[in-house]
Amino acid sequence: MPNIIDNSNWKKPAEGRYKCNIDASFSRHLNKVGIGICLRDDTRTFILAKANWISPLREVHIGEALGLLSALEWVHDLNLGPIDFEMDAKKVVDNNFLSTKHDGTEF
């Protein structure tokens, strides 16, 4: 088996915090959005993970936003905190968290 090199640049949270990575996948064949959530601590130790499906298939930015909502609900139910959330959904982050005009009507 060949060696696998991990070139990702995972940034750890501040000491005493958790990091929650969220990603969504989209299947036209299944007509669903897949959500993957992973929690690690400040030493990069795996804590918990969760995966779920949302039906029907949605636009990418909607599916990514639903992934964030799913993660927020999950960590709230787990009573964990404080947590840093990370996702690769630029439109969701830029338009709804970094923008001065907060229009969530699309979601």
PDB file of N, CA and C in Angstrom:
ATOM      1  N   MET A   1       0.850  -1.172   0.000  1.00  0.00           N
ATOM      2  CA  MET A   1       0.000   0.000   0.000  1.00  0.00           C
ATOM      3  C   MET A   1       0.899   1.240   0.000  1.00  0.00           C
ATOM      4  N   PRO A   2       0.629   2.214  -0.878  1.00  0.00           N
ATOM      5  CA  PRO A   2       1.470   3.411  -0.943  1.00  0.00           C
ATOM      6  C   PRO A   2       1.260   4.298   0.280  1.00  0.00           C
ATOM      7  N   ASN A   3       2.298   5.063   0.607  1.00  0.00           N
ATOM      8  CA  ASN A   3       2.181   6.030   1.694  1.00  0.00           C
ATOM      9  C   ASN A   3       1.263   7.160   1.263  1.00  0.00           C
ATOM     10  N   ILE A   4       0.399   7.568   2.159  1.00  0.00           N
ATOM     11  CA  ILE A   4      -0.510   8.676   1.881  1.00  0.00           C
ATOM     12  C   ILE A   4      -0.006   9.887   2.652  1.00  0.00           C
ATOM     13  N   ILE A   5       0.198  10.981   1.946  1.00  0.00           N
ATOM     14  CA  ILE A   5       0.680  12.203   2.564  1.00  0.00           C
ATOM     15  C   ILE A   5      -0.497  13.146   2.757  1.00  0.00           C
ATOM     16  N   ASP A   6      -0.678  13.587   3.988  1.00  0.00           N
ATOM     17  CA  ASP A   6      -1.757  14.514   4.301  1.00  0.00           C
ATOM     18  C   ASP A   6      -1.223  15.937   4.209  1.00  0.00           C
ATOM     19  N   ASN A   7      -1.613  16.646   3.148  1.00  0.00           N
ATOM     20  CA  ASN A   7      -1.166  18.015   2.956  1.00  0.00           C
ATOM     21  C   ASN A   7      -2.166  19.037   3.477  1.00  0.00           C
ATOM     22  N   SER A   8      -3.177  18.587   4.185  1.00  0.00           N
ATOM     23  CA  SER A   8      -4.171  19.528   4.690  1.00  0.00           C
ATOM     24  C   SER A   8      -3.563  20.397   5.786  1.00  0.00           C
ATOM     25  N   ASN A   9      -4.109  21.560   5.932  1.00  0.00           N
ATOM     26  CA  ASN A   9      -3.617  22.508   6.923  1.00  0.00           C
ATOM     27  C   ASN A   9      -4.656  22.701   8.016  1.00  0.00           C
ATOM     28  N   TRP A  10      -4.896  21.677   8.790  1.00  0.00           N
ATOM     29  CA  TRP A  10      -5.851  21.755   9.886  1.00  0.00           C
ATOM     30  C   TRP A  10      -5.309  22.724  10.922  1.00  0.00           C
ATOM     31  N   LYS A  11      -6.124  23.690  11.286  1.00  0.00           N
ATOM     32  CA  LYS A  11      -5.718  24.663  12.292  1.00  0.00           C
ATOM     33  C   LYS A  11      -6.414  24.323  13.593  1.00  0.00           C
ATOM     34  N   LYS A  12      -5.638  24.090  14.617  1.00  0.00           N
ATOM     35  CA  LYS A  12      -6.226  23.705  15.894  1.00  0.00           C
ATOM     36  C   LYS A  12      -6.900  24.895  16.552  1.00  0.00           C
ATOM     37  N   PRO A  13      -7.920  24.617  17.350  1.00  0.00           N
ATOM     38  CA  PRO A  13      -8.572  25.691  18.101  1.00  0.00           C
ATOM     39  C   PRO A  13      -7.702  26.092  19.295  1.00  0.00           C
ATOM     40  N   ALA A  14      -8.063  27.178  19.932  1.00  0.00           N
ATOM     41  CA  ALA A  14      -7.353  27.609  21.138  1.00  0.00           C
ATOM     42  C   ALA A  14      -7.481  26.528  22.215  1.00  0.00           C
ATOM     43  N   GLU A  15      -6.556  26.529  23.132  1.00  0.00           N
ATOM     44  CA  GLU A  15      -6.559  25.531  24.210  1.00  0.00           C
ATOM     45  C   GLU A  15      -7.900  25.542  24.944  1.00  0.00           C
ATOM     46  N   GLY A  16      -8.437  24.334  25.146  1.00  0.00           N
ATOM     47  CA  GLY A  16      -9.709  24.184  25.844  1.00  0.00           C
ATOM     48  C   GLY A  16     -10.939  24.278  24.958  1.00  0.00           C
ATOM     49  N   ARG A  17     -10.737  24.499  23.655  1.00  0.00           N
ATOM     50  CA  ARG A  17     -11.863  24.588  22.723  1.00  0.00           C
ATOM     51  C   ARG A  17     -11.909  23.337  21.847  1.00  0.00           C
ATOM     52  N   TYR A  18     -13.049  23.106  21.221  1.00  0.00           N
ATOM     53  CA  TYR A  18     -13.218  22.045  20.244  1.00  0.00           C
ATOM     54  C   TYR A  18     -13.262  22.655  18.855  1.00  0.00           C
ATOM     55  N   LYS A  19     -13.010  21.812  17.859  1.00  0.00           N
ATOM     56  CA  LYS A  19     -13.118  22.225  16.463  1.00  0.00           C
ATOM     57  C   LYS A  19     -14.129  21.301  15.799  1.00  0.00           C
ATOM     58  N   CYS A  20     -15.101  21.877  15.111  1.00  0.00           N
ATOM     59  CA  CYS A  20     -16.142  21.116  14.423  1.00  0.00           C
ATOM     60  C   CYS A  20     -16.028  21.398  12.927  1.00  0.00           C
ATOM     61  N   ASN A  21     -15.630  20.387  12.158  1.00  0.00           N
ATOM     62  CA  ASN A  21     -15.545  20.509  10.701  1.00  0.00           C
ATOM     63  C   ASN A  21     -16.822  19.949  10.092  1.00  0.00           C
ATOM     64  N   ILE A  22     -17.362  20.675   9.125  1.00  0.00           N
ATOM     65  CA  ILE A  22     -18.636  20.316   8.501  1.00  0.00           C
ATOM     66  C   ILE A  22     -18.443  20.293   6.990  1.00  0.00           C
ATOM     67  N   ASP A  23     -18.996  19.276   6.338  1.00  0.00           N
ATOM     68  CA  ASP A  23     -18.969  19.246   4.879  1.00  0.00           C
ATOM     69  C   ASP A  23     -20.239  18.587   4.375  1.00  0.00           C
ATOM     70  N   ALA A  24     -20.615  18.955   3.181  1.00  0.00           N
ATOM     71  CA  ALA A  24     -21.816  18.392   2.558  1.00  0.00           C
ATOM     72  C   ALA A  24     -21.437  17.764   1.226  1.00  0.00           C
ATOM     73  N   SER A  25     -22.169  16.721   0.864  1.00  0.00           N
ATOM     74  CA  SER A  25     -22.019  16.092  -0.449  1.00  0.00           C
ATOM     75  C   SER A  25     -23.399  16.049  -1.091  1.00  0.00           C
ATOM     76  N   PHE A  26     -23.423  15.959  -2.404  1.00  0.00           N
ATOM     77  CA  PHE A  26     -24.685  16.087  -3.122  1.00  0.00           C
ATOM     78  C   PHE A  26     -24.839  14.950  -4.120  1.00  0.00           C
ATOM     79  N   SER A  27     -25.938  14.200  -3.992  1.00  0.00           N
ATOM     80  CA  SER A  27     -26.177  13.050  -4.859  1.00  0.00           C
ATOM     81  C   SER A  27     -27.471  13.241  -5.646  1.00  0.00           C
ATOM     82  N   ARG A  28     -27.320  13.456  -6.939  1.00  0.00           N
ATOM     83  CA  ARG A  28     -28.511  13.531  -7.791  1.00  0.00           C
ATOM     84  C   ARG A  28     -29.192  12.171  -7.868  1.00  0.00           C
ATOM     85  N   HIS A  29     -28.371  11.130  -7.923  1.00  0.00           N
ATOM     86  CA  HIS A  29     -28.901   9.773  -8.028  1.00  0.00           C
ATOM     87  C   HIS A  29     -29.815   9.435  -6.845  1.00  0.00           C
ATOM     88  N   LEU A  30     -29.406   9.794  -5.631  1.00  0.00           N
ATOM     89  CA  LEU A  30     -30.203   9.514  -4.434  1.00  0.00           C
ATOM     90  C   LEU A  30     -31.181  10.629  -4.084  1.00  0.00           C
ATOM     91  N   ASN A  31     -31.033  11.783  -4.756  1.00  0.00           N
ATOM     92  CA  ASN A  31     -31.848  12.962  -4.474  1.00  0.00           C
ATOM     93  C   ASN A  31     -31.709  13.390  -3.010  1.00  0.00           C
ATOM     94  N   LYS A  32     -30.445  13.379  -2.524  1.00  0.00           N
ATOM     95  CA  LYS A  32     -30.184  13.710  -1.127  1.00  0.00           C
ATOM     96  C   LYS A  32     -28.910  14.533  -0.990  1.00  0.00           C
ATOM     97  N   VAL A  33     -28.833  15.224   0.143  1.00  0.00           N
ATOM     98  CA  VAL A  33     -27.624  15.922   0.564  1.00  0.00           C
ATOM     99  C   VAL A  33     -27.040  15.128   1.731  1.00  0.00           C
ATOM    100  N   GLY A  34     -25.781  14.774   1.644  1.00  0.00           N
ATOM    101  CA  GLY A  34     -25.102  14.084   2.739  1.00  0.00           C
ATOM    102  C   GLY A  34     -24.353  15.103   3.583  1.00  0.00           C
ATOM    103  N   ILE A  35     -24.452  14.978   4.892  1.00  0.00           N
ATOM    104  CA  ILE A  35     -23.787  15.890   5.818  1.00  0.00           C
ATOM    105  C   ILE A  35     -22.791  15.090   6.656  1.00  0.00           C
ATOM    106  N   GLY A  36     -21.556  15.560   6.729  1.00  0.00           N
ATOM    107  CA  GLY A  36     -20.527  14.953   7.566  1.00  0.00           C
ATOM    108  C   GLY A  36     -20.030  15.971   8.573  1.00  0.00           C
ATOM    109  N   ILE A  37     -19.948  15.553   9.834  1.00  0.00           N
ATOM    110  CA  ILE A  37     -19.528  16.448  10.920  1.00  0.00           C
ATOM    111  C   ILE A  37     -18.483  15.712  11.752  1.00  0.00           C
ATOM    112  N   CYS A  38     -17.395  16.393  12.083  1.00  0.00           N
ATOM    113  CA  CYS A  38     -16.326  15.785  12.876  1.00  0.00           C
ATOM    114  C   CYS A  38     -15.881  16.748  13.974  1.00  0.00           C
ATOM    115  N   LEU A  39     -15.781  16.242  15.197  1.00  0.00           N
ATOM    116  CA  LEU A  39     -15.316  17.033  16.336  1.00  0.00           C
ATOM    117  C   LEU A  39     -13.948  16.549  16.781  1.00  0.00           C
ATOM    118  N   ARG A  40     -13.033  17.493  16.991  1.00  0.00           N
ATOM    119  CA  ARG A  40     -11.703  17.209  17.537  1.00  0.00           C
ATOM    120  C   ARG A  40     -11.414  18.229  18.621  1.00  0.00           C
ATOM    121  N   ASP A  41     -10.496  17.867  19.513  1.00  0.00           N
ATOM    122  CA  ASP A  41     -10.119  18.819  20.550  1.00  0.00           C
ATOM    123  C   ASP A  41      -8.886  19.606  20.133  1.00  0.00           C
ATOM    124  N   ASP A  42      -8.351  20.392  21.046  1.00  0.00           N
ATOM    125  CA  ASP A  42      -7.219  21.257  20.715  1.00  0.00           C
ATOM    126  C   ASP A  42      -5.904  20.509  20.512  1.00  0.00           C
ATOM    127  N   THR A  43      -5.896  19.197  20.801  1.00  0.00           N
ATOM    128  CA  THR A  43      -4.707  18.376  20.528  1.00  0.00           C
ATOM    129  C   THR A  43      -4.879  17.559  19.257  1.00  0.00           C
ATOM    130  N   ARG A  44      -5.961  17.807  18.522  1.00  0.00           N
ATOM    131  CA  ARG A  44      -6.335  17.120  17.294  1.00  0.00           C
ATOM    132  C   ARG A  44      -6.877  15.710  17.544  1.00  0.00           C
ATOM    133  N   THR A  45      -7.185  15.417  18.794  1.00  0.00           N
ATOM    134  CA  THR A  45      -7.743  14.113  19.147  1.00  0.00           C
ATOM    135  C   THR A  45      -9.197  14.029  18.685  1.00  0.00           C
ATOM    136  N   PHE A  46      -9.526  12.936  18.008  1.00  0.00           N
ATOM    137  CA  PHE A  46     -10.892  12.706  17.553  1.00  0.00           C
ATOM    138  C   PHE A  46     -11.816  12.559  18.758  1.00  0.00           C
ATOM    139  N   ILE A  47     -12.942  13.261  18.737  1.00  0.00           N
ATOM    140  CA  ILE A  47     -13.932  13.182  19.813  1.00  0.00           C
ATOM    141  C   ILE A  47     -15.168  12.406  19.333  1.00  0.00           C
ATOM    142  N   LEU A  48     -15.853  12.933  18.344  1.00  0.00           N
ATOM    143  CA  LEU A  48     -17.063  12.312  17.809  1.00  0.00           C
ATOM    144  C   LEU A  48     -17.229  12.696  16.341  1.00  0.00           C
ATOM    145  N   ALA A  49     -18.024  11.906  15.635  1.00  0.00           N
ATOM    146  CA  ALA A  49     -18.389  12.237  14.259  1.00  0.00           C
ATOM    147  C   ALA A  49     -19.835  11.855  14.035  1.00  0.00           C
ATOM    148  N   LYS A  50     -20.431  12.486  13.053  1.00  0.00           N
ATOM    149  CA  LYS A  50     -21.826  12.203  12.735  1.00  0.00           C
ATOM    150  C   LYS A  50     -22.032  12.398  11.239  1.00  0.00           C
ATOM    151  N   ALA A  51     -22.883  11.583  10.667  1.00  0.00           N
ATOM    152  CA  ALA A  51     -23.264  11.737   9.265  1.00  0.00           C
ATOM    153  C   ALA A  51     -24.776  11.582   9.169  1.00  0.00           C
ATOM    154  N   ASN A  52     -25.377  12.354   8.297  1.00  0.00           N
ATOM    155  CA  ASN A  52     -26.808  12.187   8.068  1.00  0.00           C
ATOM    156  C   ASN A  52     -27.160  12.638   6.655  1.00  0.00           C
ATOM    157  N   TRP A  53     -28.352  12.292   6.245  1.00  0.00           N
ATOM    158  CA  TRP A  53     -28.849  12.628   4.922  1.00  0.00           C
ATOM    159  C   TRP A  53     -30.019  13.587   5.053  1.00  0.00           C
ATOM    160  N   ILE A  54     -30.091  14.525   4.114  1.00  0.00           N
ATOM    161  CA  ILE A  54     -31.220  15.443   4.033  1.00  0.00           C
ATOM    162  C   ILE A  54     -31.844  15.250   2.659  1.00  0.00           C
ATOM    163  N   SER A  55     -33.154  15.119   2.627  1.00  0.00           N
ATOM    164  CA  SER A  55     -33.857  14.893   1.375  1.00  0.00           C
ATOM    165  C   SER A  55     -34.958  15.942   1.247  1.00  0.00           C
ATOM    166  N   PRO A  56     -35.207  16.444   0.074  1.00  0.00           N
ATOM    167  CA  PRO A  56     -34.614  16.155  -1.215  1.00  0.00           C
ATOM    168  C   PRO A  56     -33.314  16.937  -1.424  1.00  0.00           C
ATOM    169  N   LEU A  57     -32.679  16.701  -2.561  1.00  0.00           N
ATOM    170  CA  LEU A  57     -31.478  17.408  -2.968  1.00  0.00           C
ATOM    171  C   LEU A  57     -31.756  18.906  -3.001  1.00  0.00           C
ATOM    172  N   ARG A  58     -30.795  19.698  -2.514  1.00  0.00           N
ATOM    173  CA  ARG A  58     -30.924  21.158  -2.491  1.00  0.00           C
ATOM    174  C   ARG A  58     -29.771  21.785  -3.267  1.00  0.00           C
ATOM    175  N   GLU A  59     -29.849  23.092  -3.493  1.00  0.00           N
ATOM    176  CA  GLU A  59     -28.727  23.827  -4.070  1.00  0.00           C
ATOM    177  C   GLU A  59     -27.559  23.721  -3.101  1.00  0.00           C
ATOM    178  N   VAL A  60     -26.332  23.866  -3.609  1.00  0.00           N
ATOM    179  CA  VAL A  60     -25.136  23.659  -2.799  1.00  0.00           C
ATOM    180  C   VAL A  60     -25.123  24.555  -1.567  1.00  0.00           C
ATOM    181  N   HIS A  61     -25.348  25.845  -1.722  1.00  0.00           N
ATOM    182  CA  HIS A  61     -25.268  26.732  -0.563  1.00  0.00           C
ATOM    183  C   HIS A  61     -26.360  26.437   0.471  1.00  0.00           C
ATOM    184  N   ILE A  62     -27.503  25.970   0.035  1.00  0.00           N
ATOM    185  CA  ILE A  62     -28.571  25.596   0.970  1.00  0.00           C
ATOM    186  C   ILE A  62     -28.174  24.322   1.719  1.00  0.00           C
ATOM    187  N   GLY A  63     -27.653  23.329   0.993  1.00  0.00           N
ATOM    188  CA  GLY A  63     -27.205  22.091   1.635  1.00  0.00           C
ATOM    189  C   GLY A  63     -26.095  22.338   2.640  1.00  0.00           C
ATOM    190  N   GLU A  64     -25.151  23.216   2.291  1.00  0.00           N
ATOM    191  CA  GLU A  64     -24.063  23.546   3.218  1.00  0.00           C
ATOM    192  C   GLU A  64     -24.611  24.258   4.455  1.00  0.00           C
ATOM    193  N   ALA A  65     -25.544  25.173   4.270  1.00  0.00           N
ATOM    194  CA  ALA A  65     -26.149  25.868   5.411  1.00  0.00           C
ATOM    195  C   ALA A  65     -26.918  24.892   6.300  1.00  0.00           C
ATOM    196  N   LEU A  66     -27.600  23.933   5.692  1.00  0.00           N
ATOM    197  CA  LEU A  66     -28.300  22.914   6.482  1.00  0.00           C
ATOM    198  C   LEU A  66     -27.312  22.032   7.245  1.00  0.00           C
ATOM    199  N   GLY A  67     -26.125  21.826   6.673  1.00  0.00           N
ATOM    200  CA  GLY A  67     -25.074  21.096   7.381  1.00  0.00           C
ATOM    201  C   GLY A  67     -24.626  21.838   8.624  1.00  0.00           C
ATOM    202  N   LEU A  68     -24.469  23.153   8.507  1.00  0.00           N
ATOM    203  CA  LEU A  68     -24.106  23.963   9.666  1.00  0.00           C
ATOM    204  C   LEU A  68     -25.209  23.911  10.715  1.00  0.00           C
ATOM    205  N   LEU A  69     -26.449  24.028  10.293  1.00  0.00           N
ATOM    206  CA  LEU A  69     -27.567  23.940  11.236  1.00  0.00           C
ATOM    207  C   LEU A  69     -27.572  22.594  11.949  1.00  0.00           C
ATOM    208  N   SER A  70     -27.352  21.524  11.198  1.00  0.00           N
ATOM    209  CA  SER A  70     -27.304  20.180  11.783  1.00  0.00           C
ATOM    210  C   SER A  70     -26.193  20.084  12.827  1.00  0.00           C
ATOM    211  N   ALA A  71     -25.024  20.653  12.519  1.00  0.00           N
ATOM    212  CA  ALA A  71     -23.900  20.631  13.456  1.00  0.00           C
ATOM    213  C   ALA A  71     -24.208  21.447  14.704  1.00  0.00           C
ATOM    214  N   LEU A  72     -24.810  22.605  14.526  1.00  0.00           N
ATOM    215  CA  LEU A  72     -25.164  23.445  15.678  1.00  0.00           C
ATOM    216  C   LEU A  72     -26.148  22.735  16.604  1.00  0.00           C
ATOM    217  N   GLU A  73     -27.148  22.100  16.011  1.00  0.00           N
ATOM    218  CA  GLU A  73     -28.125  21.361  16.828  1.00  0.00           C
ATOM    219  C   GLU A  73     -27.464  20.196  17.558  1.00  0.00           C
ATOM    220  N   TRP A  74     -26.573  19.490  16.860  1.00  0.00           N
ATOM    221  CA  TRP A  74     -25.915  18.323  17.442  1.00  0.00           C
ATOM    222  C   TRP A  74     -25.042  18.705  18.634  1.00  0.00           C
ATOM    223  N   VAL A  75     -24.174  19.708  18.463  1.00  0.00           N
ATOM    224  CA  VAL A  75     -23.288  20.083  19.572  1.00  0.00           C
ATOM    225  C   VAL A  75     -24.075  20.705  20.715  1.00  0.00           C
ATOM    226  N   HIS A  76     -25.198  21.355  20.409  1.00  0.00           N
ATOM    227  CA  HIS A  76     -26.064  21.870  21.473  1.00  0.00           C
ATOM    228  C   HIS A  76     -26.626  20.707  22.287  1.00  0.00           C
ATOM    229  N   ASP A  77     -27.108  19.668  21.603  1.00  0.00           N
ATOM    230  CA  ASP A  77     -27.637  18.487  22.288  1.00  0.00           C
ATOM    231  C   ASP A  77     -26.564  17.787  23.113  1.00  0.00           C
ATOM    232  N   LEU A  78     -25.310  17.827  22.645  1.00  0.00           N
ATOM    233  CA  LEU A  78     -24.195  17.206  23.370  1.00  0.00           C
ATOM    234  C   LEU A  78     -23.733  18.062  24.552  1.00  0.00           C
ATOM    235  N   ASN A  79     -24.196  19.299  24.597  1.00  0.00           N
ATOM    236  CA  ASN A  79     -23.827  20.239  25.655  1.00  0.00           C
ATOM    237  C   ASN A  79     -22.317  20.471  25.691  1.00  0.00           C
ATOM    238  N   LEU A  80     -21.724  20.587  24.502  1.00  0.00           N
ATOM    239  CA  LEU A  80     -20.293  20.853  24.393  1.00  0.00           C
ATOM    240  C   LEU A  80     -20.046  22.336  24.168  1.00  0.00           C
ATOM    241  N   GLY A  81     -18.896  22.774  24.557  1.00  0.00           N
ATOM    242  CA  GLY A  81     -18.537  24.148  24.270  1.00  0.00           C
ATOM    243  C   GLY A  81     -17.234  24.470  24.939  1.00  0.00           C
ATOM    244  N   PRO A  82     -16.578  25.495  24.570  1.00  0.00           N
ATOM    245  CA  PRO A  82     -16.801  26.301  23.371  1.00  0.00           C
ATOM    246  C   PRO A  82     -16.280  25.596  22.122  1.00  0.00           C
ATOM    247  N   ILE A  83     -16.879  25.907  20.981  1.00  0.00           N
ATOM    248  CA  ILE A  83     -16.572  25.211  19.731  1.00  0.00           C
ATOM    249  C   ILE A  83     -16.324  26.199  18.603  1.00  0.00           C
ATOM    250  N   ASP A  84     -15.291  25.928  17.806  1.00  0.00           N
ATOM    251  CA  ASP A  84     -15.032  26.663  16.569  1.00  0.00           C
ATOM    252  C   ASP A  84     -15.575  25.818  15.422  1.00  0.00           C
ATOM    253  N   PHE A  85     -16.348  26.416  14.549  1.00  0.00           N
ATOM    254  CA  PHE A  85     -16.916  25.715  13.401  1.00  0.00           C
ATOM    255  C   PHE A  85     -16.133  26.077  12.152  1.00  0.00           C
ATOM    256  N   GLU A  86     -15.891  25.070  11.302  1.00  0.00           N
ATOM    257  CA  GLU A  86     -15.183  25.305  10.054  1.00  0.00           C
ATOM    258  C   GLU A  86     -15.902  24.583   8.931  1.00  0.00           C
ATOM    259  N   MET A  87     -16.066  25.289   7.814  1.00  0.00           N
ATOM    260  CA  MET A  87     -16.695  24.704   6.636  1.00  0.00           C
ATOM    261  C   MET A  87     -16.108  25.353   5.392  1.00  0.00           C
ATOM    262  N   ASP A  88     -16.300  24.709   4.253  1.00  0.00           N
ATOM    263  CA  ASP A  88     -15.738  25.225   3.008  1.00  0.00           C
ATOM    264  C   ASP A  88     -16.788  25.885   2.118  1.00  0.00           C
ATOM    265  N   ALA A  89     -17.901  26.270   2.699  1.00  0.00           N
ATOM    266  CA  ALA A  89     -18.986  26.872   1.934  1.00  0.00           C
ATOM    267  C   ALA A  89     -18.820  28.385   1.920  1.00  0.00           C
ATOM    268  N   LYS A  90     -18.014  28.866   0.985  1.00  0.00           N
ATOM    269  CA  LYS A  90     -17.674  30.286   0.931  1.00  0.00           C
ATOM    270  C   LYS A  90     -18.907  31.185   0.849  1.00  0.00           C
ATOM    271  N   LYS A  91     -19.880  30.821   0.049  1.00  0.00           N
ATOM    272  CA  LYS A  91     -21.077  31.659  -0.091  1.00  0.00           C
ATOM    273  C   LYS A  91     -21.836  31.757   1.228  1.00  0.00           C
ATOM    274  N   VAL A  92     -21.944  30.668   1.941  1.00  0.00           N
ATOM    275  CA  VAL A  92     -22.657  30.672   3.226  1.00  0.00           C
ATOM    276  C   VAL A  92     -21.916  31.546   4.233  1.00  0.00           C
ATOM    277  N   VAL A  93     -20.608  31.359   4.334  1.00  0.00           N
ATOM    278  CA  VAL A  93     -19.814  32.105   5.313  1.00  0.00           C
ATOM    279  C   VAL A  93     -19.744  33.585   4.943  1.00  0.00           C
ATOM    280  N   ASP A  94     -19.352  33.888   3.706  1.00  0.00           N
ATOM    281  CA  ASP A  94     -19.178  35.285   3.294  1.00  0.00           C
ATOM    282  C   ASP A  94     -20.484  36.068   3.317  1.00  0.00           C
ATOM    283  N   ASN A  95     -21.543  35.500   2.764  1.00  0.00           N
ATOM    284  CA  ASN A  95     -22.803  36.236   2.635  1.00  0.00           C
ATOM    285  C   ASN A  95     -23.612  36.300   3.919  1.00  0.00           C
ATOM    286  N   ASN A  96     -23.363  35.420   4.860  1.00  0.00           N
ATOM    287  CA  ASN A  96     -24.226  35.375   6.029  1.00  0.00           C
ATOM    288  C   ASN A  96     -23.506  35.590   7.350  1.00  0.00           C
ATOM    289  N   PHE A  97     -22.200  35.466   7.368  1.00  0.00           N
ATOM    290  CA  PHE A  97     -21.480  35.669   8.614  1.00  0.00           C
ATOM    291  C   PHE A  97     -20.492  36.822   8.524  1.00  0.00           C
ATOM    292  N   LEU A  98     -19.922  37.050   7.357  1.00  0.00           N
ATOM    293  CA  LEU A  98     -18.927  38.108   7.209  1.00  0.00           C
ATOM    294  C   LEU A  98     -19.509  39.368   6.575  1.00  0.00           C
ATOM    295  N   SER A  99     -20.727  39.308   6.115  1.00  0.00           N
ATOM    296  CA  SER A  99     -21.365  40.435   5.451  1.00  0.00           C
ATOM    297  C   SER A  99     -22.038  41.350   6.468  1.00  0.00           C
ATOM    298  N   THR A 100     -22.114  42.639   6.131  1.00  0.00           N
ATOM    299  CA  THR A 100     -22.827  43.577   7.000  1.00  0.00           C
ATOM    300  C   THR A 100     -24.327  43.545   6.729  1.00  0.00           C
ATOM    301  N   LYS A 101     -24.737  42.997   5.606  1.00  0.00           N
ATOM    302  CA  LYS A 101     -26.169  42.855   5.324  1.00  0.00           C
ATOM    303  C   LYS A 101     -26.564  41.406   5.582  1.00  0.00           C
ATOM    304  N   HIS A 102     -27.257  41.190   6.641  1.00  0.00           N
ATOM    305  CA  HIS A 102     -27.628  39.845   7.077  1.00  0.00           C
ATOM    306  C   HIS A 102     -29.020  39.492   6.568  1.00  0.00           C
ATOM    307  N   ASP A 103     -29.061  38.882   5.418  1.00  0.00           N
ATOM    308  CA  ASP A 103     -30.320  38.476   4.818  1.00  0.00           C
ATOM    309  C   ASP A 103     -30.384  36.965   4.776  1.00  0.00           C
ATOM    310  N   GLY A 104     -31.032  36.365   5.753  1.00  0.00           N
ATOM    311  CA  GLY A 104     -31.151  34.931   5.819  1.00  0.00           C
ATOM    312  C   GLY A 104     -32.386  34.394   5.138  1.00  0.00           C
ATOM    313  N   THR A 105     -33.115  35.245   4.400  1.00  0.00           N
ATOM    314  CA  THR A 105     -34.367  34.797   3.808  1.00  0.00           C
ATOM    315  C   THR A 105     -34.160  33.674   2.803  1.00  0.00           C
ATOM    316  N   GLU A 106     -32.984  33.624   2.172  1.00  0.00           N
ATOM    317  CA  GLU A 106     -32.725  32.570   1.204  1.00  0.00           C
ATOM    318  C   GLU A 106     -32.648  31.207   1.875  1.00  0.00           C
ATOM    319  N   PHE A 107     -32.286  31.181   3.133  1.00  0.00           N
ATOM    320  CA  PHE A 107     -32.134  29.930   3.854  1.00  0.00           C
ATOM    321  C   PHE A 107     -33.395  29.588   4.619  1.00  0.00           C
TER     322      PHE A 107
END
